Amino acid sequence: MHLPLKHKLATVLLVLSTANAVSNTALAATNEQFFPLANYRVGAYASSGIPVWAGMIDYLRYINEVEGGINGVKLVWQECETEWTAEKGIECYERFKNGLNGAPVAVYQPNGAPAAYALADKAAADKIPLITLGYGRTEATDGSVFPYNFPVMLTFYSEASAVINYIAQREGGLDRLKGKKIATVYHDSAYGRETQSPLALLAEKYGFENIQIPVADPGNEQSAQWRQVRQLKPDWVFLRTWGVSTPVAIKTAARFGFPVERIIGDIWASSDEDVLPTGEAGKGYLALTPYPGGSEFEIHKRIKQHILDQGKSDLKDPKSFGSVYYNSGLVNAAIAVEAIRAGQQKFGHRPLNGEEGRWGLEHLNIDEARLKAIGFYGLMQPLKLSCSDHEGGGAAKVQQWDGSRWTLITDWVQADRETLRPLIEAKSNAYAKEKGITPRSCASED
């Protein structure tokens, strides 16, 4: 069948128009960077997770709407519920690892210790870097064995060391630790057990008695544990609980007469959501944090103006603005954004894949000048990563709950990373031997 000339021209124009639309769609997709959000908005840990995602999403939205993306590359994200389990964490990773509508994944945040452990080998095989800020495999600090695993800022080992260094400050020096009793009441999981090795090492070095008391998940009943604490009469308790087990621990400690001002929570027992349910029992409670509570930092002023006041925030409860977990979401998102920005300096102002994201993380250098530029000065410690050092910072602040808000009572308390490093390398070398991994040389890359 022969078409009239005008019909032929119309057909040609339609084909060209369609091709151009497809081309523009592909171009738009390839100029977007995908941020997978593996979350836990339901379950025993939802009270901790909900403000985290609000902080992350508010910051990603701020980068898009105020800064126009990362060097012009817009960010897209999608959520997947993990309920803080390894099984659902793996399902979310498999769903997300290939990107979203052509937008690639540069970094992946599993947002939970069970998923972080389960995904270590998968992510390495897929060449997608995992960011595990304050959780995950401590031995992944050694990037020669774990090129795609980044326990950024504060590992469990550094957390344990920072607690001991803070207690030493309170007792009058490291030499005053000898003979002291320090008990760790911990969530009986891979997360909770991570501090056992460094605490054993530090106890041997400084001469304190190291007491370990497990709490079964989810920790709704802890009478037996705090009865044991009362009997042993430790000088300090390091509280490594999580979710509902934290307020239960604080209230049970009070019931058994242990002074709350002698309890130091770890970073996952350090937010408003952990202490508000404790009422009077929580007044005086101490906790470590690498992202202190408060909404007076510069980044909060920017987000309030451009996101909250415009009705665009993911926060359901405005009172959580500036909470420790909300701020942890801000910091997590900022590290991912800055890693991509660092990678773009080498690979160009375009979306990055996992290998390029890994390069960006290993060349991440957020100094004080950069912290001031992005509005995170005081909220985040300076951070410099490399091939051999996937942690970078290793410090935390100590804050105290007064019944209505957190007050910072220290500056950054630095972990003794030099003492911990042989322990980390022994663990990473054992992992390499078990998995048949030949460690790469970091000498030329650092």
Protein backbone atom coordinates (compact mmCIF):
# COMPACT_ATOMS: atom_id res chain seq x y z
CA MET A 1 0.00 0.00 0.00
CA HIS A 2 1.31 3.43 -0.99
CA LEU A 3 0.80 6.37 1.38
CA PRO A 4 0.35 9.94 0.13
CA LEU A 5 3.45 12.14 0.53
CA LYS A 6 1.96 14.15 3.38
CA HIS A 7 1.23 10.89 5.25
CA LYS A 8 4.78 9.72 4.65
CA LEU A 9 6.14 13.00 6.05
CA ALA A 10 3.85 12.72 9.06
CA THR A 11 5.05 9.16 9.67
CA VAL A 12 8.70 10.22 9.42
CA LEU A 13 8.11 13.13 11.83
CA LEU A 14 6.30 10.80 14.25
CA VAL A 15 9.18 8.30 14.17
CA LEU A 16 11.74 11.08 14.66
CA SER A 17 9.68 12.57 17.49
CA THR A 18 9.32 9.19 19.19
CA ALA A 19 13.03 8.46 18.81
CA ASN A 20 13.87 11.87 20.23
CA ALA A 21 11.53 11.31 23.19
CA VAL A 22 13.09 7.91 23.89
CA SER A 23 16.55 9.46 23.62
CA ASN A 24 15.60 12.27 26.02
CA THR A 25 14.07 9.77 28.45
CA ALA A 26 17.24 7.67 28.41
CA LEU A 27 19.34 10.78 28.86
CA ALA A 28 17.19 11.89 31.80
CA ALA A 29 17.46 8.47 33.38
CA THR A 30 21.22 8.33 32.98
CA ASN A 31 21.55 11.78 34.57
CA GLU A 32 20.01 10.57 37.82
CA GLN A 33 21.72 8.88 40.76
CA PHE A 34 19.73 6.23 42.61
CA PHE A 35 19.77 6.17 46.43
CA PRO A 36 18.25 2.90 47.70
CA LEU A 37 16.63 3.28 51.13
CA ALA A 38 16.53 -0.05 52.97
CA ASN A 39 14.43 0.98 55.95
CA TYR A 40 12.62 -0.34 59.01
CA ARG A 41 9.51 1.71 59.66
CA VAL A 42 7.69 -1.20 61.33
CA GLY A 43 8.62 -3.67 64.05
CA ALA A 44 10.52 -3.43 67.33
CA TYR A 45 13.04 -0.93 65.97
CA ALA A 46 10.67 1.40 64.13
CA SER A 47 10.97 4.16 66.72
CA SER A 48 14.67 4.37 65.91
CA GLY A 49 14.33 3.99 62.16
CA ILE A 50 11.53 6.45 61.36
CA PRO A 51 13.51 9.61 62.25
CA VAL A 52 16.60 8.23 60.47
CA TRP A 53 14.77 8.03 57.13
CA ALA A 54 13.29 11.47 57.70
CA GLY A 55 16.79 12.91 58.07
CA MET A 56 18.09 11.08 55.02
CA ILE A 57 15.17 11.99 52.77
CA ASP A 58 15.10 15.62 53.92
CA TYR A 59 18.79 15.96 53.05
CA LEU A 60 18.44 14.28 49.65
CA ARG A 61 15.48 16.55 48.88
CA TYR A 62 17.52 19.56 50.00
CA ILE A 63 20.37 18.58 47.65
CA ASN A 64 17.93 18.31 44.74
CA GLU A 65 15.84 21.41 45.36
CA VAL A 66 18.42 23.83 46.70
CA GLU A 67 21.68 22.70 45.11
CA GLY A 68 20.23 21.26 41.92
CA GLY A 69 21.61 17.79 42.68
CA ILE A 70 25.25 16.74 42.95
CA ASN A 71 26.94 18.85 40.30
CA GLY A 72 23.71 18.80 38.31
CA VAL A 73 22.99 15.09 38.80
CA LYS A 74 19.57 14.74 40.41
CA LEU A 75 18.95 12.14 43.11
CA VAL A 76 16.14 9.60 43.06
CA TRP A 77 15.27 7.21 45.87
CA GLN A 78 12.92 4.41 46.76
CA GLU A 79 12.20 2.66 50.06
CA CYS A 80 12.11 -1.04 50.89
CA GLU A 81 11.01 -2.38 54.30
CA THR A 82 13.54 -4.71 55.97
CA GLU A 83 12.10 -4.87 59.53
CA TRP A 84 15.82 -4.92 60.53
CA THR A 85 16.16 -8.56 59.43
CA ALA A 86 18.86 -10.19 57.32
CA GLU A 87 16.33 -11.99 55.10
CA LYS A 88 14.37 -8.90 54.10
CA GLY A 89 17.58 -6.88 53.98
CA ILE A 90 18.88 -9.26 51.30
CA GLU A 91 15.57 -9.05 49.39
CA CYS A 92 15.78 -5.25 49.33
CA TYR A 93 19.38 -5.33 48.16
CA GLU A 94 18.56 -7.73 45.31
CA ARG A 95 15.67 -5.49 44.30
CA PHE A 96 17.82 -2.36 44.30
CA LYS A 97 21.32 -3.40 43.20
CA ASN A 98 20.73 -2.88 39.47
CA GLY A 99 19.46 0.67 39.92
CA LEU A 100 16.13 2.31 39.19
CA ASN A 101 14.91 3.12 35.67
CA GLY A 102 18.46 3.48 34.40
CA ALA A 103 19.74 5.44 37.41
CA PRO A 104 22.71 3.50 38.83
CA VAL A 105 23.65 2.70 42.44
CA ALA A 106 26.96 4.21 43.60
CA VAL A 107 26.74 3.33 47.30
CA TYR A 108 24.45 1.11 49.36
CA GLN A 109 23.46 1.55 53.01
CA PRO A 110 21.98 -1.68 54.44
CA ASN A 111 20.88 0.16 57.61
CA GLY A 112 21.10 -2.79 59.97
CA ALA A 113 23.78 -5.09 61.34
CA PRO A 114 22.05 -8.35 60.26
CA ALA A 115 21.81 -7.22 56.63
CA ALA A 116 25.31 -5.73 56.69
CA TYR A 117 26.83 -9.09 57.65
CA ALA A 118 24.67 -11.02 55.20
CA LEU A 119 25.51 -8.72 52.28
CA ALA A 120 29.30 -8.48 52.71
CA ASP A 121 30.15 -11.12 50.10
CA LYS A 122 27.25 -10.30 47.75
CA ALA A 123 28.10 -6.61 47.57
CA ALA A 124 31.77 -7.33 46.95
CA ALA A 125 30.87 -9.68 44.08
CA ASP A 126 28.50 -7.06 42.64
CA LYS A 127 31.09 -4.29 43.18
CA ILE A 128 28.69 -2.12 45.17
CA PRO A 129 30.21 -0.43 48.25
CA LEU A 130 28.37 -0.80 51.55
CA ILE A 131 28.37 2.14 53.97
CA THR A 132 27.77 0.98 57.55
CA LEU A 133 28.06 4.02 59.81
CA GLY A 134 28.31 2.85 63.41
CA TYR A 135 27.53 -0.82 62.71
CA GLY A 136 28.60 -3.75 60.52
CA ARG A 137 31.93 -5.54 60.24
CA THR A 138 34.65 -3.72 62.15
CA GLU A 139 37.37 -5.69 60.33
CA ALA A 140 36.19 -4.06 57.10
CA THR A 141 38.20 -1.06 58.29
CA ASP A 142 41.00 -2.93 56.49
CA GLY A 143 40.22 -2.08 52.88
CA SER A 144 42.93 -4.38 51.54
CA VAL A 145 40.63 -7.33 52.36
CA PHE A 146 37.25 -5.53 52.14
CA PRO A 147 37.40 -3.17 49.13
CA TYR A 148 33.60 -2.77 49.04
CA ASN A 149 32.80 -2.51 52.75
CA PHE A 150 33.03 0.81 54.63
CA PRO A 151 32.34 0.93 58.41
CA VAL A 152 32.61 4.69 58.21
CA MET A 153 33.30 7.10 61.08
CA LEU A 154 32.92 4.92 64.19
CA THR A 155 33.29 1.14 64.32
CA PHE A 156 32.21 -0.93 67.28
CA TYR A 157 35.88 -1.30 68.27
CA SER A 158 36.40 2.47 68.27
CA GLU A 159 33.16 2.88 70.18
CA ALA A 160 34.41 0.52 72.91
CA SER A 161 37.72 2.37 73.11
CA ALA A 162 36.01 5.77 73.25
CA VAL A 163 33.85 4.59 76.19
CA ILE A 164 36.91 3.39 78.08
CA ASN A 165 38.75 6.65 77.36
CA TYR A 166 35.77 8.64 78.62
CA ILE A 167 35.55 6.55 81.80
CA ALA A 168 39.29 7.13 82.26
CA GLN A 169 38.69 10.88 82.00
CA ARG A 170 36.03 10.63 84.71
CA GLU A 171 38.23 8.47 86.95
CA GLY A 172 41.29 10.70 86.64
CA GLY A 173 43.39 8.93 84.01
CA LEU A 174 43.93 5.58 82.30
CA ASP A 175 46.07 4.39 85.22
CA ARG A 176 43.03 4.78 87.50
CA LEU A 177 41.12 2.09 85.57
CA LYS A 178 43.03 -0.71 87.29
CA GLY A 179 40.71 -2.66 89.59
CA LYS A 180 37.54 -0.96 88.32
CA LYS A 181 34.56 -3.07 87.28
CA ILE A 182 33.06 -2.21 83.88
CA ALA A 183 30.01 -4.22 82.83
CA THR A 184 28.62 -4.36 79.30
CA VAL A 185 24.91 -5.12 79.07
CA TYR A 186 24.52 -6.03 75.40
CA HIS A 187 21.96 -7.06 72.80
CA ASP A 188 22.74 -10.75 72.24
CA SER A 189 23.35 -10.52 68.49
CA ALA A 190 26.26 -10.00 66.12
CA TYR A 191 25.79 -6.28 66.72
CA GLY A 192 25.92 -6.63 70.48
CA ARG A 193 28.85 -9.05 70.57
CA GLU A 194 31.10 -6.88 68.39
CA THR A 195 32.65 -5.03 71.34
CA GLN A 196 33.72 -8.14 73.23
CA SER A 197 37.16 -8.49 71.62
CA PRO A 198 38.27 -4.85 71.99
CA LEU A 199 37.00 -4.68 75.57
CA ALA A 200 38.94 -7.84 76.44
CA LEU A 201 42.08 -6.29 74.94
CA LEU A 202 41.58 -2.98 76.75
CA ALA A 203 40.81 -4.76 80.05
CA GLU A 204 44.10 -6.63 79.77
CA LYS A 205 45.97 -3.42 78.94
CA TYR A 206 44.47 -1.24 81.69
CA GLY A 207 43.61 -3.80 84.36
CA PHE A 208 39.85 -3.32 84.75
CA GLU A 209 37.42 -6.19 85.27
CA ASN A 210 35.46 -6.84 82.06
CA ILE A 211 31.92 -8.14 82.77
CA GLN A 212 29.67 -9.21 79.86
CA ILE A 213 25.90 -9.59 80.37
CA PRO A 214 23.72 -10.57 77.35
CA VAL A 215 20.11 -9.51 76.75
CA ALA A 216 18.02 -11.70 74.45
CA ASP A 217 16.25 -9.99 71.55
CA PRO A 218 14.08 -7.92 71.76
CA GLY A 219 14.85 -7.25 75.43
CA ASN A 220 11.37 -6.68 76.86
CA GLU A 221 12.30 -8.34 80.16
CA GLN A 222 15.67 -7.66 81.85
CA SER A 223 15.15 -8.35 85.55
CA ALA A 224 17.70 -11.16 85.57
CA GLN A 225 20.37 -9.00 83.94
CA TRP A 226 19.98 -6.05 86.30
CA ARG A 227 19.75 -8.32 89.32
CA GLN A 228 23.17 -9.58 88.23
CA VAL A 229 24.40 -5.98 87.89
CA ARG A 230 23.21 -5.23 91.43
CA GLN A 231 25.03 -8.28 92.76
CA LEU A 232 28.31 -7.54 90.93
CA LYS A 233 28.26 -3.79 91.72
CA PRO A 234 30.19 -2.51 88.68
CA ASP A 235 31.58 1.03 88.69
CA TRP A 236 30.19 1.68 85.21
CA VAL A 237 27.77 0.01 82.80
CA PHE A 238 28.25 0.23 79.03
CA LEU A 239 24.72 -0.22 77.62
CA ARG A 240 24.70 -1.77 74.15
CA THR A 241 20.98 -2.30 73.66
CA TRP A 242 18.81 -1.31 70.72
CA GLY A 243 15.21 -0.33 70.08
CA VAL A 244 12.73 -1.26 72.81
CA SER A 245 15.45 -2.89 74.94
CA THR A 246 17.00 0.51 75.78
CA PRO A 247 14.14 2.12 77.75
CA VAL A 248 13.48 -1.26 79.36
CA ALA A 249 17.13 -1.39 80.47
CA ILE A 250 17.07 2.13 81.94
CA LYS A 251 13.80 1.62 83.82
CA THR A 252 14.89 -1.80 85.10
CA ALA A 253 18.25 -0.41 86.23
CA ALA A 254 16.40 2.23 88.24
CA ARG A 255 14.13 -0.41 89.77
CA PHE A 256 17.20 -2.34 90.95
CA GLY A 257 18.87 0.78 92.28
CA PHE A 258 21.74 1.18 89.84
CA PRO A 259 22.57 4.90 89.32
CA VAL A 260 21.63 5.98 85.81
CA GLU A 261 24.47 8.54 85.66
CA ARG A 262 26.85 5.57 85.70
CA ILE A 263 25.28 4.04 82.57
CA ILE A 264 26.77 4.98 79.19
CA GLY A 265 24.68 4.00 76.18
CA ASP A 266 26.23 3.21 72.83
CA ILE A 267 25.28 5.15 69.71
CA TRP A 268 22.21 2.98 69.08
CA ALA A 269 20.92 3.72 72.58
CA SER A 270 21.40 7.46 72.40
CA SER A 271 18.37 9.21 70.91
CA ASP A 272 15.29 10.94 72.26
CA GLU A 273 13.22 7.91 71.24
CA ASP A 274 15.36 5.76 73.57
CA VAL A 275 14.89 7.88 76.68
CA LEU A 276 11.53 9.64 76.42
CA PRO A 277 9.66 6.46 77.51
CA THR A 278 11.83 6.25 80.68
CA GLY A 279 10.40 9.34 82.39
CA GLU A 280 12.15 10.28 85.63
CA ALA A 281 14.30 7.12 85.49
CA GLY A 282 16.23 8.43 82.50
CA LYS A 283 17.42 11.73 83.99
CA GLY A 284 21.22 11.74 84.07
CA TYR A 285 21.67 8.89 81.57
CA LEU A 286 24.79 9.19 79.42
CA ALA A 287 25.31 8.12 75.82
CA LEU A 288 27.91 8.20 73.06
CA THR A 289 27.09 9.80 69.74
CA PRO A 290 29.01 10.55 66.53
CA TYR A 291 26.10 12.82 65.49
CA PRO A 292 24.90 14.78 68.54
CA GLY A 293 21.33 15.87 69.03
CA GLY A 294 20.27 19.47 68.45
CA SER A 295 18.81 21.61 65.71
CA GLU A 296 21.13 24.60 66.05
CA PHE A 297 23.65 23.46 63.45
CA GLU A 298 23.87 25.33 60.15
CA ILE A 299 22.46 22.43 58.14
CA HIS A 300 19.29 22.53 60.27
CA LYS A 301 18.78 26.21 59.51
CA ARG A 302 19.03 25.45 55.80
CA ILE A 303 16.73 22.43 55.91
CA LYS A 304 14.17 24.24 58.06
CA GLN A 305 14.03 27.14 55.59
CA HIS A 306 13.93 25.12 52.39
CA ILE A 307 12.28 21.82 53.39
CA LEU A 308 10.38 21.95 56.70
CA ASP A 309 8.90 25.42 56.30
CA GLN A 310 7.85 24.54 52.76
CA GLY A 311 5.92 21.49 53.97
CA LYS A 312 8.27 19.08 52.18
CA SER A 313 9.78 17.21 55.14
CA ASP A 314 9.44 13.47 55.64
CA LEU A 315 9.09 14.07 59.40
CA LYS A 316 5.77 12.97 60.85
CA ASP A 317 6.59 14.39 64.29
CA PRO A 318 8.19 17.88 64.15
CA LYS A 319 9.58 17.30 67.66
CA SER A 320 12.01 14.80 66.14
CA PHE A 321 13.71 17.55 64.11
CA GLY A 322 17.26 17.60 65.45
CA SER A 323 16.92 14.34 67.40
CA VAL A 324 20.00 12.12 67.42
CA TYR A 325 18.48 9.63 64.98
CA TYR A 326 17.22 12.38 62.66
CA ASN A 327 20.74 13.82 62.70
CA SER A 328 22.18 10.38 62.01
CA GLY A 329 20.05 10.33 58.85
CA LEU A 330 21.47 13.71 57.84
CA VAL A 331 25.04 12.50 58.42
CA ASN A 332 24.51 9.20 56.60
CA ALA A 333 23.07 11.01 53.59
CA ALA A 334 25.81 13.66 53.62
CA ILE A 335 28.58 11.04 53.61
CA ALA A 336 27.01 9.27 50.64
CA VAL A 337 26.56 12.57 48.79
CA GLU A 338 30.13 13.68 49.50
CA ALA A 339 31.49 10.29 48.40
CA ILE A 340 29.71 10.67 45.05
CA ARG A 341 30.94 14.24 44.78
CA ALA A 342 34.51 13.01 45.39
CA GLY A 343 34.08 10.32 42.74
CA GLN A 344 32.81 12.87 40.24
CA GLN A 345 36.10 14.74 40.54
CA LYS A 346 37.73 11.78 38.81
CA PHE A 347 34.96 10.37 36.63
CA GLY A 348 33.09 13.52 35.65
CA HIS A 349 29.86 15.22 36.71
CA ARG A 350 27.60 12.29 35.96
CA PRO A 351 25.94 9.39 37.79
CA LEU A 352 28.43 6.86 39.15
CA ASN A 353 28.36 3.08 39.35
CA GLY A 354 29.50 1.01 42.31
CA GLU A 355 33.17 0.80 41.34
CA GLU A 356 33.29 4.57 40.90
CA GLY A 357 31.45 5.05 44.18
CA ARG A 358 34.07 2.91 45.91
CA TRP A 359 36.82 5.14 44.50
CA GLY A 360 34.97 8.18 45.80
CA LEU A 361 34.70 6.68 49.29
CA GLU A 362 38.39 5.79 49.39
CA HIS A 363 39.25 9.37 48.44
CA LEU A 364 36.74 11.02 50.75
CA ASN A 365 38.27 13.90 52.70
CA ILE A 366 35.78 15.99 54.66
CA ASP A 367 37.94 18.47 56.55
CA GLU A 368 36.76 21.31 58.80
CA ALA A 369 36.52 23.74 55.88
CA ARG A 370 34.29 21.32 53.99
CA LEU A 371 32.17 20.68 57.10
CA LYS A 372 31.54 24.42 57.37
CA ALA A 373 30.71 24.68 53.65
CA ILE A 374 28.05 21.96 53.81
CA GLY A 375 26.68 23.11 57.17
CA PHE A 376 27.80 20.13 59.26
CA TYR A 377 30.50 21.73 61.40
CA GLY A 378 30.10 20.48 64.98
CA LEU A 379 27.58 17.85 63.92
CA MET A 380 30.09 15.65 62.11
CA GLN A 381 33.74 14.98 62.87
CA PRO A 382 36.39 15.46 60.13
CA LEU A 383 36.61 12.32 58.04
CA LYS A 384 39.39 11.05 55.80
CA LEU A 385 39.23 7.58 54.25
CA SER A 386 41.73 5.61 52.21
CA CYS A 387 42.32 2.16 50.76
CA SER A 388 43.75 0.90 54.06
CA ASP A 389 41.40 2.85 56.34
CA HIS A 390 37.68 2.52 55.66
CA GLU A 391 36.68 4.04 59.01
CA GLY A 392 38.38 7.43 59.00
CA GLY A 393 37.21 9.21 62.14
CA GLY A 394 37.05 7.05 65.25
CA ALA A 395 35.63 9.61 67.69
CA ALA A 396 32.36 10.30 69.51
CA LYS A 397 30.92 12.89 71.87
CA VAL A 398 29.24 12.10 75.20
CA GLN A 399 25.84 13.59 75.92
CA GLN A 400 23.57 13.50 78.97
CA TRP A 401 19.76 13.41 79.16
CA ASP A 402 18.14 15.94 81.50
CA GLY A 403 14.60 14.62 81.15
CA SER A 404 13.66 16.75 78.15
CA ARG A 405 16.77 17.17 75.99
CA TRP A 406 20.35 16.05 75.47
CA THR A 407 23.27 18.20 76.62
CA LEU A 408 26.76 17.64 75.26
CA ILE A 409 29.25 17.21 78.09
CA THR A 410 32.42 16.48 76.09
CA ASP A 411 34.10 17.40 72.83
CA TRP A 412 35.16 14.56 70.53
CA VAL A 413 36.53 11.61 72.54
CA GLN A 414 39.02 9.84 70.31
CA ALA A 415 39.42 6.07 70.24
CA ASP A 416 42.87 4.52 70.53
CA ARG A 417 42.88 3.27 66.95
CA GLU A 418 46.58 2.40 67.01
CA THR A 419 46.00 -0.11 69.83
CA LEU A 420 42.97 -1.56 68.04
CA ARG A 421 44.54 -1.91 64.58
CA PRO A 422 46.41 -5.23 65.19
CA LEU A 423 43.13 -6.73 66.42
CA ILE A 424 41.38 -5.52 63.26
CA GLU A 425 44.12 -6.85 60.97
CA ALA A 426 44.14 -10.24 62.70
CA LYS A 427 40.39 -10.51 62.14
CA SER A 428 40.54 -9.32 58.52
CA ASN A 429 43.43 -11.69 57.75
CA ALA A 430 41.48 -14.60 59.23
CA TYR A 431 38.53 -13.63 57.04
CA ALA A 432 40.77 -13.46 53.95
CA LYS A 433 42.18 -16.90 54.72
CA GLU A 434 38.71 -18.38 55.26
CA LYS A 435 37.36 -16.92 52.00
CA GLY A 436 40.49 -17.45 49.91
CA ILE A 437 40.96 -13.71 49.35
CA THR A 438 44.32 -12.31 48.29
CA PRO A 439 44.54 -8.87 49.96
CA ARG A 440 45.25 -6.04 47.55
CA SER A 441 48.17 -3.70 48.08
CA CYS A 442 47.10 -0.29 49.38
CA ALA A 443 50.60 1.20 49.30
CA SER A 444 50.17 2.75 45.86
CA GLU A 445 46.59 3.90 46.50
CA ASP A 446 46.87 5.54 49.94
